[in-house]
C-alpha cells in the first residue's frame, strides 16, 4: 500500500490487506477456541483484546509523530519491522 501510485492499486491493496487481516483474526479465534476449555474461553478472548485499549491511546500519538517527522510510506513500512518483532514474542 505504501508504494501505490494510483487509487486503483490502493483499492486492490486494501482488499488484500482486509482479507489477510480477517483471515488472521479468524485463525486466532479458532486456535483460542481449540486450546481453551469452554469455562475459560471468554477470559482468554478478553485478554486477547486488551491490546486494543493501548492502541486507542498510543495510536494517535504515533500517527502524529509519523505525520510531523516522516512520510506515510514509512508509516506503512514500519510494520515490516513491527510485525516480525512482536510475532516472535508470541
PDB file of N, CA and C in Angstrom:
ATOM      1  N   UNK A   1       0.811  -1.176   0.000  1.00  0.00           N
ATOM      2  CA  UNK A   1       0.000   0.000   0.000  1.00  0.00           C
ATOM      3  C   UNK A   1       0.865   1.255   0.000  1.00  0.00           C
ATOM      4  N   UNK A   2       2.057   1.154   0.546  1.00  0.00           N
ATOM      5  CA  UNK A   2       2.905   2.334   0.627  1.00  0.00           C
ATOM      6  C   UNK A   2       3.439   2.749  -0.736  1.00  0.00           C
ATOM      7  N   UNK A   3       3.491   1.841  -1.671  1.00  0.00           N
ATOM      8  CA  UNK A   3       4.054   2.158  -2.988  1.00  0.00           C
ATOM      9  C   UNK A   3       2.992   2.357  -4.063  1.00  0.00           C
ATOM     10  N   UNK A   4       1.754   2.485  -3.679  1.00  0.00           N
ATOM     11  CA  UNK A   4       0.679   2.658  -4.657  1.00  0.00           C
ATOM     12  C   UNK A   4       0.811   3.992  -5.370  1.00  0.00           C
ATOM     13  N   UNK A   5       0.676   3.943  -6.689  1.00  0.00           N
ATOM     14  CA  UNK A   5       0.802   5.153  -7.493  1.00  0.00           C
ATOM     15  C   UNK A   5      -0.551   5.730  -7.908  1.00  0.00           C
ATOM     16  N   UNK A   6      -1.613   4.917  -7.782  1.00  0.00           N
ATOM     17  CA  UNK A   6      -2.941   5.415  -8.153  1.00  0.00           C
ATOM     18  C   UNK A   6      -3.991   4.775  -7.248  1.00  0.00           C
ATOM     19  N   UNK A   7      -5.203   5.250  -7.368  1.00  0.00           N
ATOM     20  CA  UNK A   7      -6.264   4.806  -6.465  1.00  0.00           C
ATOM     21  C   UNK A   7      -6.683   3.361  -6.743  1.00  0.00           C
ATOM     22  N   UNK A   8      -6.552   2.895  -7.971  1.00  0.00           N
ATOM     23  CA  UNK A   8      -6.921   1.518  -8.289  1.00  0.00           C
ATOM     24  C   UNK A   8      -5.996   0.532  -7.592  1.00  0.00           C
ATOM     25  N   UNK A   9      -4.700   0.823  -7.626  1.00  0.00           N
ATOM     26  CA  UNK A   9      -3.735  -0.041  -6.955  1.00  0.00           C
ATOM     27  C   UNK A   9      -3.953  -0.023  -5.451  1.00  0.00           C
ATOM     28  N   UNK A  10      -4.255   1.146  -4.913  1.00  0.00           N
ATOM     29  CA  UNK A  10      -4.518   1.253  -3.485  1.00  0.00           C
ATOM     30  C   UNK A  10      -5.759   0.452  -3.094  1.00  0.00           C
ATOM     31  N   UNK A  11      -6.800   0.500  -3.914  1.00  0.00           N
ATOM     32  CA  UNK A  11      -8.021  -0.258  -3.625  1.00  0.00           C
ATOM     33  C   UNK A  11      -7.746  -1.761  -3.646  1.00  0.00           C
ATOM     34  N   UNK A  12      -6.955  -2.214  -4.619  1.00  0.00           N
ATOM     35  CA  UNK A  12      -6.610  -3.633  -4.679  1.00  0.00           C
ATOM     36  C   UNK A  12      -5.779  -4.039  -3.465  1.00  0.00           C
ATOM     37  N   UNK A  13      -4.840  -3.196  -3.073  1.00  0.00           N
ATOM     38  CA  UNK A  13      -4.024  -3.487  -1.890  1.00  0.00           C
ATOM     39  C   UNK A  13      -4.878  -3.524  -0.631  1.00  0.00           C
ATOM     40  N   UNK A  14      -5.860  -2.654  -0.548  1.00  0.00           N
ATOM     41  CA  UNK A  14      -6.752  -2.632   0.616  1.00  0.00           C
ATOM     42  C   UNK A  14      -7.576  -3.913   0.695  1.00  0.00           C
ATOM     43  N   UNK A  15      -7.988  -4.440  -0.459  1.00  0.00           N
ATOM     44  CA  UNK A  15      -8.731  -5.704  -0.477  1.00  0.00           C
ATOM     45  C   UNK A  15      -7.852  -6.828   0.049  1.00  0.00           C
ATOM     46  N   UNK A  16      -6.610  -6.912  -0.428  1.00  0.00           N
ATOM     47  CA  UNK A  16      -5.699  -7.951   0.053  1.00  0.00           C
ATOM     48  C   UNK A  16      -5.439  -7.823   1.550  1.00  0.00           C
ATOM     49  N   UNK A  17      -5.248  -6.592   2.014  1.00  0.00           N
ATOM     50  CA  UNK A  17      -4.983  -6.370   3.433  1.00  0.00           C
ATOM     51  C   UNK A  17      -6.187  -6.782   4.274  1.00  0.00           C
ATOM     52  N   UNK A  18      -7.392  -6.436   3.829  1.00  0.00           N
ATOM     53  CA  UNK A  18      -8.594  -6.755   4.591  1.00  0.00           C
ATOM     54  C   UNK A  18      -8.823  -8.262   4.656  1.00  0.00           C
ATOM     55  N   UNK A  19      -8.620  -8.949   3.543  1.00  0.00           N
ATOM     56  CA  UNK A  19      -8.779 -10.402   3.528  1.00  0.00           C
ATOM     57  C   UNK A  19      -7.732 -11.052   4.431  1.00  0.00           C
ATOM     58  N   UNK A  20      -6.501 -10.590   4.368  1.00  0.00           N
ATOM     59  CA  UNK A  20      -5.447 -11.146   5.218  1.00  0.00           C
ATOM     60  C   UNK A  20      -5.684 -10.883   6.689  1.00  0.00           C
ATOM     61  N   UNK A  21      -6.093  -9.678   7.017  1.00  0.00           N
ATOM     62  CA  UNK A  21      -6.362  -9.332   8.411  1.00  0.00           C
ATOM     63  C   UNK A  21      -7.538 -10.133   8.960  1.00  0.00           C
ATOM     64  N   UNK A  22      -8.576 -10.265   8.176  1.00  0.00           N
ATOM     65  CA  UNK A  22      -9.720 -11.070   8.606  1.00  0.00           C
ATOM     66  C   UNK A  22      -9.360 -12.532   8.774  1.00  0.00           C
ATOM     67  N   UNK A  23      -8.515 -13.038   7.882  1.00  0.00           N
ATOM     68  CA  UNK A  23      -8.076 -14.426   7.983  1.00  0.00           C
ATOM     69  C   UNK A  23      -7.248 -14.683   9.224  1.00  0.00           C
ATOM     70  N   UNK A  24      -6.358 -13.756   9.543  1.00  0.00           N
ATOM     71  CA  UNK A  24      -5.548 -13.905  10.753  1.00  0.00           C
ATOM     72  C   UNK A  24      -6.433 -13.858  11.991  1.00  0.00           C
ATOM     73  N   UNK A  25      -7.397 -12.950  12.003  1.00  0.00           N
ATOM     74  CA  UNK A  25      -8.317 -12.884  13.138  1.00  0.00           C
ATOM     75  C   UNK A  25      -9.136 -14.152  13.294  1.00  0.00           C
ATOM     76  N   UNK A  26      -9.567 -14.708  12.176  1.00  0.00           N
ATOM     77  CA  UNK A  26     -10.345 -15.948  12.216  1.00  0.00           C
ATOM     78  C   UNK A  26      -9.495 -17.106  12.735  1.00  0.00           C
ATOM     79  N   UNK A  27      -8.272 -17.229  12.239  1.00  0.00           N
ATOM     80  CA  UNK A  27      -7.380 -18.297  12.690  1.00  0.00           C
ATOM     81  C   UNK A  27      -7.088 -18.152  14.177  1.00  0.00           C
ATOM     82  N   UNK A  28      -6.888 -16.925  14.610  1.00  0.00           N
ATOM     83  CA  UNK A  28      -6.626 -16.673  16.026  1.00  0.00           C
ATOM     84  C   UNK A  28      -7.809 -17.114  16.881  1.00  0.00           C
ATOM     85  N   UNK A  29      -9.008 -16.808  16.448  1.00  0.00           N
ATOM     86  CA  UNK A  29     -10.211 -17.204  17.182  1.00  0.00           C
ATOM     87  C   UNK A  29     -10.353 -18.724  17.228  1.00  0.00           C
ATOM     88  N   UNK A  30     -10.085 -19.385  16.127  1.00  0.00           N
ATOM     89  CA  UNK A  30     -10.184 -20.843  16.088  1.00  0.00           C
ATOM     90  C   UNK A  30      -9.142 -21.474  17.005  1.00  0.00           C
ATOM     91  N   UNK A  31      -7.917 -20.952  16.987  1.00  0.00           N
ATOM     92  CA  UNK A  31      -6.876 -21.507  17.854  1.00  0.00           C
ATOM     93  C   UNK A  31      -7.213 -21.320  19.330  1.00  0.00           C
ATOM     94  N   UNK A  32      -7.713 -20.156  19.686  1.00  0.00           N
ATOM     95  CA  UNK A  32      -8.110 -19.937  21.078  1.00  0.00           C
ATOM     96  C   UNK A  32      -9.236 -20.893  21.456  1.00  0.00           C
ATOM     97  N   UNK A  33     -10.174 -21.088  20.561  1.00  0.00           N
ATOM     98  CA  UNK A  33     -11.288 -21.995  20.850  1.00  0.00           C
ATOM     99  C   UNK A  33     -10.821 -23.438  20.997  1.00  0.00           C
ATOM    100  N   UNK A  34      -9.819 -23.830  20.225  1.00  0.00           N
ATOM    101  CA  UNK A  34      -9.317 -25.200  20.300  1.00  0.00           C
ATOM    102  C   UNK A  34      -8.475 -25.452  21.547  1.00  0.00           C
ATOM    103  N   UNK A  35      -7.718 -24.457  21.976  1.00  0.00           N
ATOM    104  CA  UNK A  35      -6.768 -24.666  23.065  1.00  0.00           C
ATOM    105  C   UNK A  35      -7.315 -24.357  24.451  1.00  0.00           C
ATOM    106  N   UNK A  36      -8.502 -23.813  24.562  1.00  0.00           N
ATOM    107  CA  UNK A  36      -9.046 -23.470  25.871  1.00  0.00           C
ATOM    108  C   UNK A  36     -10.328 -24.240  26.131  1.00  0.00           C
ATOM    109  N   UNK A  37     -10.619 -24.389  27.400  1.00  0.00           N
ATOM    110  CA  UNK A  37     -11.884 -25.029  27.763  1.00  0.00           C
ATOM    111  C   UNK A  37     -13.007 -24.005  27.634  1.00  0.00           C
ATOM    112  N   UNK A  38     -14.211 -24.489  27.589  1.00  0.00           N
ATOM    113  CA  UNK A  38     -15.360 -23.602  27.452  1.00  0.00           C
ATOM    114  C   UNK A  38     -15.485 -22.676  28.655  1.00  0.00           C
ATOM    115  N   UNK A  39     -15.074 -23.148  29.792  1.00  0.00           N
ATOM    116  CA  UNK A  39     -15.162 -22.356  31.016  1.00  0.00           C
ATOM    117  C   UNK A  39     -14.228 -21.143  30.986  1.00  0.00           C
ATOM    118  N   UNK A  40     -13.043 -21.282  30.423  1.00  0.00           N
ATOM    119  CA  UNK A  40     -12.044 -20.208  30.424  1.00  0.00           C
ATOM    120  C   UNK A  40     -11.972 -19.434  29.115  1.00  0.00           C
ATOM    121  N   UNK A  41     -12.770 -19.785  28.155  1.00  0.00           N
ATOM    122  CA  UNK A  41     -12.642 -19.209  26.818  1.00  0.00           C
ATOM    123  C   UNK A  41     -12.866 -17.704  26.792  1.00  0.00           C
ATOM    124  N   UNK A  42     -13.874 -17.209  27.482  1.00  0.00           N
ATOM    125  CA  UNK A  42     -14.164 -15.771  27.444  1.00  0.00           C
ATOM    126  C   UNK A  42     -13.075 -14.966  28.145  1.00  0.00           C
ATOM    127  N   UNK A  43     -12.438 -15.541  29.153  1.00  0.00           N
ATOM    128  CA  UNK A  43     -11.322 -14.849  29.809  1.00  0.00           C
ATOM    129  C   UNK A  43     -10.170 -14.681  28.826  1.00  0.00           C
ATOM    130  N   UNK A  44      -9.868 -15.717  28.081  1.00  0.00           N
ATOM    131  CA  UNK A  44      -8.775 -15.647  27.108  1.00  0.00           C
ATOM    132  C   UNK A  44      -9.132 -14.690  25.974  1.00  0.00           C
ATOM    133  N   UNK A  45     -10.371 -14.707  25.517  1.00  0.00           N
ATOM    134  CA  UNK A  45     -10.784 -13.743  24.489  1.00  0.00           C
ATOM    135  C   UNK A  45     -10.667 -12.313  25.002  1.00  0.00           C
ATOM    136  N   UNK A  46     -11.008 -12.083  26.255  1.00  0.00           N
ATOM    137  CA  UNK A  46     -10.888 -10.741  26.831  1.00  0.00           C
ATOM    138  C   UNK A  46      -9.426 -10.325  26.938  1.00  0.00           C
ATOM    139  N   UNK A  47      -8.562 -11.225  27.382  1.00  0.00           N
ATOM    140  CA  UNK A  47      -7.132 -10.909  27.457  1.00  0.00           C
ATOM    141  C   UNK A  47      -6.547 -10.660  26.073  1.00  0.00           C
ATOM    142  N   UNK A  48      -7.044 -11.391  25.096  1.00  0.00           N
ATOM    143  CA  UNK A  48      -6.584 -11.221  23.726  1.00  0.00           C
ATOM    144  C   UNK A  48      -6.940  -9.842  23.178  1.00  0.00           C
ATOM    145  N   UNK A  49      -8.025  -9.270  23.640  1.00  0.00           N
ATOM    146  CA  UNK A  49      -8.491  -7.978  23.131  1.00  0.00           C
ATOM    147  C   UNK A  49      -7.952  -6.784  23.899  1.00  0.00           C
ATOM    148  N   UNK A  50      -7.180  -6.998  24.948  1.00  0.00           N
ATOM    149  CA  UNK A  50      -6.698  -5.865  25.746  1.00  0.00           C
ATOM    150  C   UNK A  50      -5.697  -4.997  24.994  1.00  0.00           C
ATOM    151  N   UNK A  51      -5.081  -5.499  23.960  1.00  0.00           N
ATOM    152  CA  UNK A  51      -4.130  -4.680  23.198  1.00  0.00           C
ATOM    153  C   UNK A  51      -4.820  -3.499  22.528  1.00  0.00           C
ATOM    154  N   UNK A  52      -6.095  -3.631  22.230  1.00  0.00           N
ATOM    155  CA  UNK A  52      -6.826  -2.538  21.595  1.00  0.00           C
ATOM    156  C   UNK A  52      -6.974  -1.340  22.521  1.00  0.00           C
ATOM    157  N   UNK A  53      -6.927  -1.556  23.832  1.00  0.00           N
ATOM    158  CA  UNK A  53      -7.009  -0.443  24.776  1.00  0.00           C
ATOM    159  C   UNK A  53      -5.774   0.443  24.631  1.00  0.00           C
ATOM    160  N   UNK A  54      -4.609  -0.165  24.579  1.00  0.00           N
ATOM    161  CA  UNK A  54      -3.381   0.603  24.397  1.00  0.00           C
ATOM    162  C   UNK A  54      -3.313   1.285  23.051  1.00  0.00           C
ATOM    163  N   UNK A  55      -3.825   0.612  22.029  1.00  0.00           N
ATOM    164  CA  UNK A  55      -3.826   1.203  20.689  1.00  0.00           C
ATOM    165  C   UNK A  55      -4.681   2.452  20.613  1.00  0.00           C
ATOM    166  N   UNK A  56      -5.745   2.496  21.387  1.00  0.00           N
ATOM    167  CA  UNK A  56      -6.631   3.660  21.357  1.00  0.00           C
ATOM    168  C   UNK A  56      -5.922   4.919  21.847  1.00  0.00           C
ATOM    169  N   UNK A  57      -4.970   4.761  22.749  1.00  0.00           N
ATOM    170  CA  UNK A  57      -4.258   5.916  23.292  1.00  0.00           C
ATOM    171  C   UNK A  57      -2.923   6.168  22.589  1.00  0.00           C
ATOM    172  N   UNK A  58      -2.198   5.105  22.250  1.00  0.00           N
ATOM    173  CA  UNK A  58      -0.879   5.271  21.640  1.00  0.00           C
ATOM    174  C   UNK A  58      -0.961   5.529  20.140  1.00  0.00           C
ATOM    175  N   UNK A  59      -1.988   5.024  19.476  1.00  0.00           N
ATOM    176  CA  UNK A  59      -2.111   5.163  18.029  1.00  0.00           C
ATOM    177  C   UNK A  59      -2.095   6.590  17.525  1.00  0.00           C
ATOM    178  N   UNK A  60      -2.912   7.481  18.069  1.00  0.00           N
ATOM    179  CA  UNK A  60      -2.891   8.865  17.594  1.00  0.00           C
ATOM    180  C   UNK A  60      -1.557   9.570  17.834  1.00  0.00           C
ATOM    181  N   UNK A  61      -0.889   9.246  18.918  1.00  0.00           N
ATOM    182  CA  UNK A  61       0.410   9.867  19.208  1.00  0.00           C
ATOM    183  C   UNK A  61       1.444   9.430  18.180  1.00  0.00           C
ATOM    184  N   UNK A  62       1.488   8.137  17.899  1.00  0.00           N
ATOM    185  CA  UNK A  62       2.443   7.620  16.916  1.00  0.00           C
ATOM    186  C   UNK A  62       2.108   8.143  15.522  1.00  0.00           C
ATOM    187  N   UNK A  63       0.831   8.212  15.182  1.00  0.00           N
ATOM    188  CA  UNK A  63       0.431   8.742  13.873  1.00  0.00           C
ATOM    189  C   UNK A  63       0.853  10.194  13.716  1.00  0.00           C
ATOM    190  N   UNK A  64       0.727  10.977  14.765  1.00  0.00           N
ATOM    191  CA  UNK A  64       1.146  12.373  14.695  1.00  0.00           C
ATOM    192  C   UNK A  64       2.656  12.489  14.530  1.00  0.00           C
ATOM    193  N   UNK A  65       3.421  11.613  15.192  1.00  0.00           N
ATOM    194  CA  UNK A  65       4.877  11.622  15.021  1.00  0.00           C
ATOM    195  C   UNK A  65       5.267  11.271  13.589  1.00  0.00           C
ATOM    196  N   UNK A  66       4.605  10.279  12.998  1.00  0.00           N
ATOM    197  CA  UNK A  66       4.871   9.952  11.599  1.00  0.00           C
ATOM    198  C   UNK A  66       4.493  11.113  10.691  1.00  0.00           C
ATOM    199  N   UNK A  67       3.399  11.769  10.979  1.00  0.00           N
ATOM    200  CA  UNK A  67       2.936  12.886  10.158  1.00  0.00           C
ATOM    201  C   UNK A  67       3.912  14.054  10.201  1.00  0.00           C
ATOM    202  N   UNK A  68       4.465  14.352  11.366  1.00  0.00           N
ATOM    203  CA  UNK A  68       5.340  15.511  11.520  1.00  0.00           C
ATOM    204  C   UNK A  68       6.782  15.237  11.115  1.00  0.00           C
ATOM    205  N   UNK A  69       7.272  14.013  11.309  1.00  0.00           N
ATOM    206  CA  UNK A  69       8.699  13.751  11.151  1.00  0.00           C
ATOM    207  C   UNK A  69       9.045  12.736  10.068  1.00  0.00           C
ATOM    208  N   UNK A  70       8.074  12.218   9.345  1.00  0.00           N
ATOM    209  CA  UNK A  70       8.363  11.189   8.361  1.00  0.00           C
ATOM    210  C   UNK A  70       7.341  11.278   7.231  1.00  0.00           C
ATOM    211  N   UNK A  71       7.331  10.256   6.382  1.00  0.00           N
ATOM    212  CA  UNK A  71       6.360  10.193   5.297  1.00  0.00           C
ATOM    213  C   UNK A  71       5.389   9.052   5.557  1.00  0.00           C
ATOM    214  N   UNK A  72       4.294   9.033   4.823  1.00  0.00           N
ATOM    215  CA  UNK A  72       3.312   7.973   5.030  1.00  0.00           C
ATOM    216  C   UNK A  72       3.862   6.625   4.598  1.00  0.00           C
ATOM    217  N   UNK A  73       4.854   6.608   3.700  1.00  0.00           N
ATOM    218  CA  UNK A  73       5.445   5.346   3.280  1.00  0.00           C
ATOM    219  C   UNK A  73       6.156   4.661   4.442  1.00  0.00           C
ATOM    220  N   UNK A  74       6.829   5.433   5.280  1.00  0.00           N
ATOM    221  CA  UNK A  74       7.476   4.861   6.457  1.00  0.00           C
ATOM    222  C   UNK A  74       6.449   4.384   7.467  1.00  0.00           C
ATOM    223  N   UNK A  75       5.308   5.031   7.523  1.00  0.00           N
ATOM    224  CA  UNK A  75       4.256   4.580   8.437  1.00  0.00           C
ATOM    225  C   UNK A  75       3.801   3.170   8.071  1.00  0.00           C
ATOM    226  N   UNK A  76       3.653   2.884   6.777  1.00  0.00           N
ATOM    227  CA  UNK A  76       3.302   1.533   6.347  1.00  0.00           C
ATOM    228  C   UNK A  76       4.514   0.608   6.420  1.00  0.00           C
ATOM    229  N   UNK A  77       5.684   1.106   6.034  1.00  0.00           N
ATOM    230  CA  UNK A  77       6.888   0.283   6.023  1.00  0.00           C
ATOM    231  C   UNK A  77       7.349  -0.145   7.397  1.00  0.00           C
ATOM    232  N   UNK A  78       7.001   0.609   8.410  1.00  0.00           N
ATOM    233  CA  UNK A  78       7.422   0.244   9.762  1.00  0.00           C
ATOM    234  C   UNK A  78       6.798  -1.073  10.215  1.00  0.00           C
ATOM    235  N   UNK A  79       5.677  -1.450   9.626  1.00  0.00           N
ATOM    236  CA  UNK A  79       5.068  -2.720  10.002  1.00  0.00           C
ATOM    237  C   UNK A  79       5.918  -3.906   9.563  1.00  0.00           C
ATOM    238  N   UNK A  80       6.795  -3.720   8.577  1.00  0.00           N
ATOM    239  CA  UNK A  80       7.720  -4.780   8.199  1.00  0.00           C
ATOM    240  C   UNK A  80       8.708  -5.067   9.321  1.00  0.00           C
ATOM    241  N   UNK A  81       8.908  -4.102  10.199  1.00  0.00           N
ATOM    242  CA  UNK A  81       9.774  -4.284  11.363  1.00  0.00           C
ATOM    243  C   UNK A  81       8.950  -4.693  12.584  1.00  0.00           C
ATOM    244  N   UNK A  82       7.805  -4.073  12.769  1.00  0.00           N
ATOM    245  CA  UNK A  82       6.999  -4.290  13.970  1.00  0.00           C
ATOM    246  C   UNK A  82       6.397  -5.694  14.003  1.00  0.00           C
ATOM    247  N   UNK A  83       5.811  -6.166  12.902  1.00  0.00           N
ATOM    248  CA  UNK A  83       5.142  -7.467  12.912  1.00  0.00           C
ATOM    249  C   UNK A  83       6.087  -8.628  13.220  1.00  0.00           C
ATOM    250  N   UNK A  84       7.256  -8.736  12.576  1.00  0.00           N
ATOM    251  CA  UNK A  84       8.137  -9.853  12.941  1.00  0.00           C
ATOM    252  C   UNK A  84       8.628  -9.783  14.389  1.00  0.00           C
ATOM    253  N   UNK A  85       8.859  -8.573  14.893  1.00  0.00           N
ATOM    254  CA  UNK A  85       9.334  -8.435  16.270  1.00  0.00           C
ATOM    255  C   UNK A  85       8.289  -8.940  17.264  1.00  0.00           C
ATOM    256  N   UNK A  86       7.067  -8.447  17.147  1.00  0.00           N
ATOM    257  CA  UNK A  86       6.028  -8.867  18.079  1.00  0.00           C
ATOM    258  C   UNK A  86       5.525 -10.272  17.774  1.00  0.00           C
ATOM    259  N   UNK A  87       5.637 -10.707  16.535  1.00  0.00           N
ATOM    260  CA  UNK A  87       5.287 -12.084  16.209  1.00  0.00           C
ATOM    261  C   UNK A  87       6.244 -13.078  16.840  1.00  0.00           C
ATOM    262  N   UNK A  88       7.514 -12.690  16.960  1.00  0.00           N
ATOM    263  CA  UNK A  88       8.495 -13.553  17.608  1.00  0.00           C
ATOM    264  C   UNK A  88       8.218 -13.673  19.103  1.00  0.00           C
ATOM    265  N   UNK A  89       7.631 -12.647  19.690  1.00  0.00           N
ATOM    266  CA  UNK A  89       7.306 -12.707  21.115  1.00  0.00           C
ATOM    267  C   UNK A  89       6.183 -13.695  21.405  1.00  0.00           C
ATOM    268  N   UNK A  90       5.317 -13.885  20.428  1.00  0.00           N
ATOM    269  CA  UNK A  90       4.200 -14.818  20.626  1.00  0.00           C
ATOM    270  C   UNK A  90       4.721 -16.229  20.540  1.00  0.00           C
TER     271      UNK A  90
END
